[in-house]
């Protein structure tokens, strides 16, 4: 039996109470992308505070990895109280194969259930010797792009999709 505890969080830091009500369990099993590992360290900070106040700690069983691998793990039976994944296809796979997520998960919330947006950043060598400023510059013959494999990385798929969206807007480059 899970015991629900509550923490409060309010994103308006100017108010005296920075916390809003959110369920916290005696046992939590967040499953997510490897990029979420640092963010989930806040759970450990909360746990440390709880212990300092004389409360029982929340048992954390975290699992981090690539979005597709994490989706497969949940489908194969990995218990999760919270799941954060990079791709809607991974979330849909959990919904379709396990029933643990409503099949209308994407359409039932605003903005197709996208809680945030992402920005693609170009990292270039010091001094930007090739003068890279936009997507068109990345298509030049003298430029090599380094990105993870889009077959296995959600972030790489977002990189690819951002470049494709740029091309669809009518921007062209002459090679």
Protein backbone atom coordinates (compact mmCIF):
# COMPACT_ATOMS: atom_id res chain seq x y z
CA UNK A 1 0.00 0.00 0.00
CA UNK A 2 1.38 3.41 -0.95
CA UNK A 3 1.15 6.24 1.52
CA UNK A 4 0.65 9.59 -0.14
CA UNK A 5 2.69 12.44 1.24
CA UNK A 6 2.48 15.96 -0.11
CA UNK A 7 4.95 18.68 -0.94
CA UNK A 8 3.97 22.14 -2.06
CA UNK A 9 5.47 24.11 -4.88
CA UNK A 10 4.45 27.47 -6.34
CA UNK A 11 6.41 28.84 -9.29
CA UNK A 12 5.79 32.42 -8.11
CA UNK A 13 8.81 32.81 -5.85
CA UNK A 14 7.64 36.26 -4.75
CA UNK A 15 4.94 34.64 -2.63
CA UNK A 16 5.74 33.37 0.83
CA UNK A 17 4.90 29.78 -0.10
CA UNK A 18 7.07 28.54 -2.96
CA UNK A 19 5.47 25.08 -2.95
CA UNK A 20 2.27 23.75 -4.52
CA UNK A 21 0.58 20.52 -3.57
CA UNK A 22 2.03 17.53 -5.41
CA UNK A 23 1.81 13.87 -4.40
CA UNK A 24 4.94 12.26 -2.99
CA UNK A 25 4.94 8.54 -2.26
CA UNK A 26 6.77 6.55 0.40
CA UNK A 27 8.34 4.79 -2.54
CA UNK A 28 9.01 6.52 -5.85
CA UNK A 29 10.33 4.94 -9.04
CA UNK A 30 11.01 7.67 -11.59
CA UNK A 31 12.01 6.33 -15.01
CA UNK A 32 13.39 8.73 -17.57
CA UNK A 33 15.88 9.85 -20.12
CA UNK A 34 19.50 10.04 -19.07
CA UNK A 35 19.24 13.85 -19.26
CA UNK A 36 16.70 13.80 -16.41
CA UNK A 37 19.18 12.33 -13.94
CA UNK A 38 20.43 15.73 -12.74
CA UNK A 39 16.92 17.13 -12.38
CA UNK A 40 15.85 14.13 -10.33
CA UNK A 41 18.67 14.82 -7.88
CA UNK A 42 16.21 17.34 -6.41
CA UNK A 43 14.23 14.36 -5.16
CA UNK A 44 17.27 13.32 -3.15
CA UNK A 45 17.56 16.86 -1.73
CA UNK A 46 13.90 16.65 -0.69
CA UNK A 47 14.60 13.26 0.86
CA UNK A 48 17.56 14.64 2.80
CA UNK A 49 15.38 17.47 4.12
CA UNK A 50 12.64 14.99 5.14
CA UNK A 51 15.17 12.94 7.11
CA UNK A 52 16.51 16.10 8.81
CA UNK A 53 12.95 16.85 9.94
CA UNK A 54 12.59 13.41 11.51
CA UNK A 55 10.42 11.92 8.76
CA UNK A 56 10.89 8.59 7.06
CA UNK A 57 12.80 8.90 3.79
CA UNK A 58 11.15 8.29 0.44
CA UNK A 59 12.69 5.22 -1.16
CA UNK A 60 13.94 6.22 -4.61
CA UNK A 61 14.47 3.60 -7.30
CA UNK A 62 15.56 5.61 -10.31
CA UNK A 63 16.23 4.31 -13.80
CA UNK A 64 17.83 6.47 -16.50
CA UNK A 65 18.67 5.74 -20.11
CA UNK A 66 17.67 6.40 -23.69
CA UNK A 67 13.99 7.12 -24.28
CA UNK A 68 13.31 4.02 -26.38
CA UNK A 69 15.14 1.72 -23.99
CA UNK A 70 13.26 3.13 -21.02
CA UNK A 71 9.93 2.68 -22.83
CA UNK A 72 10.81 -0.97 -23.54
CA UNK A 73 11.77 -1.49 -19.89
CA UNK A 74 8.40 -0.15 -18.70
CA UNK A 75 6.59 -2.29 -21.30
CA UNK A 76 8.57 -5.31 -20.06
CA UNK A 77 7.48 -4.68 -16.47
CA UNK A 78 9.77 -2.07 -14.90
CA UNK A 79 7.68 -0.37 -12.21
CA UNK A 80 7.49 3.40 -12.56
CA UNK A 81 5.61 6.07 -10.64
CA UNK A 82 6.72 8.77 -13.11
CA UNK A 83 7.97 8.35 -16.68
CA UNK A 84 9.67 11.12 -18.70
CA UNK A 85 10.57 10.26 -22.28
CA UNK A 86 11.84 12.19 -25.30
CA UNK A 87 9.51 10.92 -27.99
CA UNK A 88 5.75 10.66 -28.26
CA UNK A 89 6.13 7.30 -30.02
CA UNK A 90 7.75 5.87 -26.89
CA UNK A 91 4.90 7.11 -24.70
CA UNK A 92 2.32 5.80 -27.17
CA UNK A 93 4.01 2.39 -27.15
CA UNK A 94 3.59 2.19 -23.37
CA UNK A 95 -0.06 3.24 -23.70
CA UNK A 96 -0.82 0.72 -26.45
CA UNK A 97 1.05 -2.26 -25.02
CA UNK A 98 0.43 -1.92 -21.29
CA UNK A 99 -2.65 0.22 -20.70
CA UNK A 100 -0.71 2.04 -17.96
CA UNK A 101 -1.19 5.34 -19.80
CA UNK A 102 -4.52 6.37 -21.36
CA UNK A 103 -4.42 5.94 -25.15
CA UNK A 104 -5.64 9.54 -25.54
CA UNK A 105 -2.71 10.78 -23.43
CA UNK A 106 -1.58 13.23 -26.10
CA UNK A 107 -4.93 14.75 -27.09
CA UNK A 108 -6.38 15.10 -23.61
CA UNK A 109 -4.05 17.89 -22.45
CA UNK A 110 -3.27 21.32 -23.95
CA UNK A 111 -0.54 21.67 -26.58
CA UNK A 112 -0.72 17.94 -27.36
CA UNK A 113 0.65 17.20 -23.89
CA UNK A 114 3.92 19.04 -24.54
CA UNK A 115 4.85 20.63 -21.20
CA UNK A 116 7.82 22.49 -22.66
CA UNK A 117 9.69 23.23 -25.86
CA UNK A 118 13.31 22.69 -26.68
CA UNK A 119 16.00 24.72 -28.40
CA UNK A 120 18.65 23.30 -30.69
CA UNK A 121 22.07 24.81 -30.10
CA UNK A 122 25.02 24.73 -32.49
CA UNK A 123 28.39 24.19 -30.81
CA UNK A 124 31.31 25.21 -32.98
CA UNK A 125 35.08 25.23 -32.58
CA UNK A 126 36.57 28.15 -30.72
CA UNK A 127 36.43 31.29 -32.82
CA UNK A 128 33.89 29.67 -35.21
CA UNK A 129 36.51 29.31 -38.00
CA UNK A 130 33.92 28.18 -40.58
CA UNK A 131 31.48 31.00 -39.78
CA UNK A 132 28.54 28.72 -38.98
CA UNK A 133 25.44 30.79 -38.25
CA UNK A 134 22.39 28.79 -39.40
CA UNK A 135 21.10 25.47 -40.69
CA UNK A 136 22.19 26.25 -44.24
CA UNK A 137 25.78 26.49 -43.07
CA UNK A 138 25.52 22.94 -41.70
CA UNK A 139 24.73 21.63 -45.20
CA UNK A 140 27.99 22.94 -46.68
CA UNK A 141 30.50 20.39 -47.98
CA UNK A 142 33.27 21.72 -45.73
CA UNK A 143 31.22 21.24 -42.54
CA UNK A 144 30.83 17.98 -40.62
CA UNK A 145 27.91 17.57 -38.23
CA UNK A 146 28.30 15.46 -35.12
CA UNK A 147 25.04 14.25 -33.59
CA UNK A 148 23.91 10.99 -32.00
CA UNK A 149 22.26 8.32 -34.14
CA UNK A 150 18.58 9.24 -34.75
CA UNK A 151 17.68 5.54 -34.72
CA UNK A 152 18.62 5.28 -31.05
CA UNK A 153 18.57 8.81 -29.64
CA UNK A 154 15.52 10.98 -29.02
CA UNK A 155 17.73 14.07 -28.94
CA UNK A 156 19.18 13.18 -32.34
CA UNK A 157 15.67 12.86 -33.76
CA UNK A 158 14.84 16.33 -32.47
CA UNK A 159 18.05 17.63 -34.10
CA UNK A 160 17.06 16.04 -37.40
CA UNK A 161 13.47 17.33 -37.17
CA UNK A 162 14.65 20.87 -36.40
CA UNK A 163 16.82 20.88 -39.54
CA UNK A 164 13.98 19.44 -41.59
CA UNK A 165 11.57 22.09 -40.27
CA UNK A 166 14.07 24.77 -41.25
CA UNK A 167 14.22 23.35 -44.79
CA UNK A 168 10.41 23.17 -45.05
CA UNK A 169 10.10 26.88 -44.32
CA UNK A 170 11.51 27.57 -47.76
CA UNK A 171 15.03 28.25 -46.67
CA UNK A 172 17.42 26.75 -49.15
CA UNK A 173 21.13 26.59 -49.47
CA UNK A 174 23.16 26.32 -52.63
CA UNK A 175 25.66 23.48 -52.50
